[in-house]
Amino acid sequence: MGVVEDLADDLAREALQAEKELDDMTLVDELAEVLLSTSATTQEAFLTAIRVRRAAENGRRYIENRLKAGKTG
């Protein structure tokens, strides 16, 4: 990945962790606005990293649920 993607992905990981710790579902959106004020490119990369990480988490959860259902059903 390039510098923008690497930095945005690091920030996305930190933001998702902070969102959980603070139980604040607005943190990512607020941070995206902060990024937009200085760099639309960074904001776009950040939001892409957020979507990819959330999708991967949903995918993992789906697999776990299917495995549990398969063991009990």
Foldseek 3Di string as FASTA:
>chain_A
DDPLLVVLLVVLVVQVVVCVVVVPPCSLVVVLVVCVVPDPSSSVSNVVSNVVVVVVVVVVVVVVVVVVVVVVD
